[in-house]
Amino acid sequence: MKKTPNFIIIGAARSGTTSLFQYLDAHPQISMSPVKELNFFSRNIYETKGLSWYKRQFPCRKGTVVVGEASTSYTTYPVCS
C-alpha cells in the first residue's frame, strides 16, 4: 500500500533531521520514505520525474497512519544547488 505524505521534516543540515527521521520511522504507525532527502520540491526532479514518481516513494507498512519524508534542502529553496 502507498500513501501520499502527511508531513515533511524540514530542518537545517546537521541539525538532527536524520535522527528524527529514524525515530519516526521506528514507530509502528509511521512510515517514512525509504530514502531520506528526496529533495523533490527543491530540485528539478519535480519537472523531470513528476508527481507520480514522488507518490511512488512511499510504500507503507501494515498499520501505517501517517507518512512522511525529510529533506534539508527545502530550507534553502530556491537558493540551493
N, C-alpha and C. Protein backbone atom coordinates (compact mmCIF):
# COMPACT_ATOMS: atom_id res chain seq x y z
N MET A 1 0.84 -1.17 0.00
CA MET A 1 0.00 0.00 0.00
C MET A 1 0.89 1.24 0.00
N LYS A 2 0.48 2.24 -0.74
CA LYS A 2 1.23 3.50 -0.79
C LYS A 2 0.28 4.64 -0.44
N LYS A 3 0.81 5.62 0.23
CA LYS A 3 0.06 6.81 0.61
C LYS A 3 0.87 8.04 0.26
N THR A 4 0.21 9.15 0.18
CA THR A 4 0.90 10.42 -0.01
C THR A 4 1.31 10.93 1.36
N PRO A 5 2.45 11.62 1.47
CA PRO A 5 2.91 12.09 2.77
C PRO A 5 1.92 13.04 3.46
N ASN A 6 1.83 12.90 4.77
CA ASN A 6 1.03 13.80 5.59
C ASN A 6 1.90 14.91 6.18
N PHE A 7 3.22 14.67 6.22
CA PHE A 7 4.12 15.67 6.80
C PHE A 7 5.50 15.57 6.18
N ILE A 8 6.23 16.67 6.28
CA ILE A 8 7.60 16.75 5.76
C ILE A 8 8.47 17.35 6.86
N ILE A 9 9.60 16.70 7.14
CA ILE A 9 10.58 17.25 8.07
C ILE A 9 11.46 18.21 7.28
N ILE A 10 11.45 19.46 7.69
CA ILE A 10 12.29 20.47 7.06
C ILE A 10 13.20 21.03 8.15
N GLY A 11 14.49 20.84 8.00
CA GLY A 11 15.42 21.32 9.01
C GLY A 11 16.77 21.60 8.39
N ALA A 12 17.55 22.36 9.07
CA ALA A 12 18.88 22.68 8.58
C ALA A 12 19.76 21.43 8.58
N ALA A 13 20.72 21.40 7.69
CA ALA A 13 21.67 20.29 7.65
C ALA A 13 22.40 20.21 8.98
N ARG A 14 22.68 19.01 9.43
CA ARG A 14 23.40 18.75 10.67
C ARG A 14 22.64 19.24 11.91
N SER A 15 21.31 19.21 11.84
CA SER A 15 20.53 19.68 12.98
C SER A 15 19.69 18.57 13.62
N GLY A 16 19.96 17.32 13.26
CA GLY A 16 19.24 16.21 13.87
C GLY A 16 18.11 15.65 13.03
N THR A 17 18.01 16.07 11.78
CA THR A 17 16.91 15.57 10.95
C THR A 17 17.03 14.06 10.69
N THR A 18 18.24 13.54 10.57
CA THR A 18 18.40 12.11 10.35
C THR A 18 17.94 11.33 11.56
N SER A 19 18.29 11.77 12.74
CA SER A 19 17.83 11.10 13.96
C SER A 19 16.31 11.15 14.06
N LEU A 20 15.73 12.32 13.83
CA LEU A 20 14.27 12.44 13.88
C LEU A 20 13.62 11.53 12.86
N PHE A 21 14.17 11.49 11.65
CA PHE A 21 13.69 10.62 10.58
C PHE A 21 13.69 9.15 11.05
N GLN A 22 14.78 8.72 11.65
CA GLN A 22 14.90 7.34 12.10
C GLN A 22 13.98 7.03 13.27
N TYR A 23 13.85 7.95 14.22
CA TYR A 23 12.95 7.74 15.36
C TYR A 23 11.51 7.61 14.88
N LEU A 24 11.11 8.48 13.99
CA LEU A 24 9.73 8.42 13.48
C LEU A 24 9.50 7.13 12.69
N ASP A 25 10.47 6.75 11.88
CA ASP A 25 10.32 5.54 11.06
C ASP A 25 10.24 4.29 11.92
N ALA A 26 10.79 4.33 13.11
CA ALA A 26 10.73 3.17 14.02
C ALA A 26 9.35 3.01 14.66
N HIS A 27 8.54 4.04 14.61
CA HIS A 27 7.20 3.96 15.20
C HIS A 27 6.31 3.08 14.32
N PRO A 28 5.53 2.18 14.90
CA PRO A 28 4.72 1.25 14.11
C PRO A 28 3.61 1.89 13.28
N GLN A 29 3.22 3.12 13.60
CA GLN A 29 2.15 3.76 12.84
C GLN A 29 2.64 4.86 11.90
N ILE A 30 3.96 4.97 11.79
CA ILE A 30 4.54 6.00 10.92
C ILE A 30 5.44 5.33 9.89
N SER A 31 5.25 5.68 8.63
CA SER A 31 6.14 5.21 7.56
C SER A 31 6.83 6.41 6.94
N MET A 32 8.13 6.35 6.87
CA MET A 32 8.91 7.40 6.21
C MET A 32 9.34 6.88 4.84
N SER A 33 9.69 7.79 3.95
CA SER A 33 10.19 7.38 2.64
C SER A 33 11.43 6.51 2.87
N PRO A 34 11.62 5.47 2.06
CA PRO A 34 12.80 4.61 2.24
C PRO A 34 14.12 5.37 2.10
N VAL A 35 14.09 6.43 1.31
CA VAL A 35 15.29 7.24 1.10
C VAL A 35 15.05 8.61 1.73
N LYS A 36 15.94 8.99 2.66
CA LYS A 36 15.87 10.34 3.22
C LYS A 36 16.42 11.30 2.17
N GLU A 37 15.98 12.51 2.20
CA GLU A 37 16.44 13.54 1.25
C GLU A 37 15.95 13.26 -0.18
N LEU A 38 14.66 13.13 -0.35
CA LEU A 38 14.12 13.01 -1.71
C LEU A 38 14.34 14.29 -2.50
N ASN A 39 14.35 15.42 -1.82
CA ASN A 39 14.60 16.73 -2.45
C ASN A 39 13.66 17.04 -3.60
N PHE A 40 12.50 16.45 -3.58
CA PHE A 40 11.57 16.57 -4.70
C PHE A 40 11.15 18.00 -4.98
N PHE A 41 10.88 18.77 -3.96
CA PHE A 41 10.37 20.12 -4.15
C PHE A 41 11.45 21.18 -4.29
N SER A 42 12.71 20.80 -4.17
CA SER A 42 13.79 21.77 -4.26
C SER A 42 14.78 21.47 -5.38
N ARG A 43 14.52 20.48 -6.14
CA ARG A 43 15.41 20.13 -7.25
C ARG A 43 14.57 20.00 -8.52
N ASN A 44 15.22 19.83 -9.64
CA ASN A 44 14.48 19.69 -10.89
C ASN A 44 13.82 18.32 -11.04
N ILE A 45 13.90 17.49 -10.01
CA ILE A 45 13.22 16.20 -10.03
C ILE A 45 11.74 16.41 -10.26
N TYR A 46 11.22 17.50 -9.70
CA TYR A 46 9.79 17.81 -9.84
C TYR A 46 9.39 17.85 -11.31
N GLU A 47 10.19 18.54 -12.12
CA GLU A 47 9.87 18.65 -13.54
C GLU A 47 10.20 17.39 -14.33
N THR A 48 11.31 16.73 -13.97
CA THR A 48 11.75 15.58 -14.77
C THR A 48 11.04 14.27 -14.44
N LYS A 49 10.80 14.01 -13.17
CA LYS A 49 10.20 12.73 -12.80
C LYS A 49 8.71 12.81 -12.54
N GLY A 50 8.23 13.95 -12.13
CA GLY A 50 6.81 14.16 -11.95
C GLY A 50 6.24 13.71 -10.62
N LEU A 51 5.02 14.14 -10.38
CA LEU A 51 4.34 13.86 -9.13
C LEU A 51 4.08 12.37 -8.93
N SER A 52 3.83 11.65 -10.02
CA SER A 52 3.59 10.20 -9.88
C SER A 52 4.83 9.49 -9.32
N TRP A 53 6.03 9.93 -9.72
CA TRP A 53 7.26 9.36 -9.16
C TRP A 53 7.32 9.62 -7.66
N TYR A 54 7.01 10.85 -7.26
CA TYR A 54 7.06 11.22 -5.84
C TYR A 54 6.12 10.35 -5.03
N LYS A 55 4.92 10.17 -5.49
CA LYS A 55 3.94 9.36 -4.77
C LYS A 55 4.39 7.91 -4.63
N ARG A 56 5.14 7.40 -5.59
CA ARG A 56 5.62 6.01 -5.53
C ARG A 56 6.74 5.81 -4.51
N GLN A 57 7.26 6.88 -3.94
CA GLN A 57 8.37 6.79 -2.98
C GLN A 57 7.91 6.45 -1.57
N PHE A 58 6.63 6.17 -1.38
CA PHE A 58 6.10 6.00 -0.03
C PHE A 58 5.37 4.67 0.17
N PRO A 59 6.10 3.55 0.13
CA PRO A 59 5.45 2.29 0.49
C PRO A 59 5.17 2.28 1.98
N CYS A 60 4.05 1.77 2.37
CA CYS A 60 3.65 1.81 3.78
C CYS A 60 3.58 0.43 4.38
N ARG A 61 3.98 0.35 5.63
CA ARG A 61 3.84 -0.89 6.38
C ARG A 61 2.40 -1.05 6.81
N LYS A 62 2.03 -2.26 7.15
CA LYS A 62 0.70 -2.52 7.70
C LYS A 62 0.54 -1.72 8.99
N GLY A 63 -0.58 -1.07 9.17
CA GLY A 63 -0.85 -0.30 10.37
C GLY A 63 -0.41 1.16 10.29
N THR A 64 0.10 1.58 9.12
CA THR A 64 0.54 2.95 8.96
C THR A 64 -0.63 3.92 9.05
N VAL A 65 -0.45 4.96 9.84
CA VAL A 65 -1.47 6.01 9.98
C VAL A 65 -0.99 7.29 9.29
N VAL A 66 0.29 7.63 9.47
CA VAL A 66 0.85 8.82 8.82
C VAL A 66 2.12 8.47 8.06
N VAL A 67 2.39 9.27 7.03
CA VAL A 67 3.53 9.04 6.15
C VAL A 67 4.31 10.34 6.02
N GLY A 68 5.64 10.25 6.02
CA GLY A 68 6.44 11.47 5.93
C GLY A 68 7.72 11.30 5.16
N GLU A 69 8.37 12.42 4.97
CA GLU A 69 9.70 12.45 4.34
C GLU A 69 10.51 13.55 4.99
N ALA A 70 11.81 13.56 4.75
CA ALA A 70 12.71 14.58 5.31
C ALA A 70 13.70 15.01 4.25
N SER A 71 13.78 16.30 4.02
CA SER A 71 14.75 16.85 3.08
C SER A 71 15.23 18.20 3.58
N THR A 72 16.50 18.28 3.94
CA THR A 72 17.02 19.54 4.47
C THR A 72 17.14 20.61 3.38
N SER A 73 17.18 20.22 2.13
CA SER A 73 17.32 21.21 1.05
C SER A 73 16.12 22.13 0.96
N TYR A 74 15.00 21.74 1.54
CA TYR A 74 13.81 22.60 1.49
C TYR A 74 14.01 23.89 2.27
N THR A 75 14.95 23.92 3.20
CA THR A 75 15.18 25.15 3.97
C THR A 75 15.88 26.22 3.14
N THR A 76 16.58 25.82 2.11
CA THR A 76 17.32 26.78 1.31
C THR A 76 16.69 27.05 -0.05
N TYR A 77 15.60 26.41 -0.37
CA TYR A 77 14.94 26.63 -1.65
C TYR A 77 14.43 28.06 -1.72
N PRO A 78 14.58 28.77 -2.79
CA PRO A 78 15.06 28.36 -4.11
C PRO A 78 16.54 28.58 -4.34
N VAL A 79 17.30 28.84 -3.30
CA VAL A 79 18.72 29.08 -3.45
C VAL A 79 19.50 27.84 -3.06
N CYS A 80 19.29 26.75 -3.76
CA CYS A 80 20.04 25.53 -3.47
C CYS A 80 20.63 24.99 -4.76
N SER A 81 21.66 24.22 -4.61
CA SER A 81 22.34 23.70 -5.80
C SER A 81 21.69 22.44 -6.30
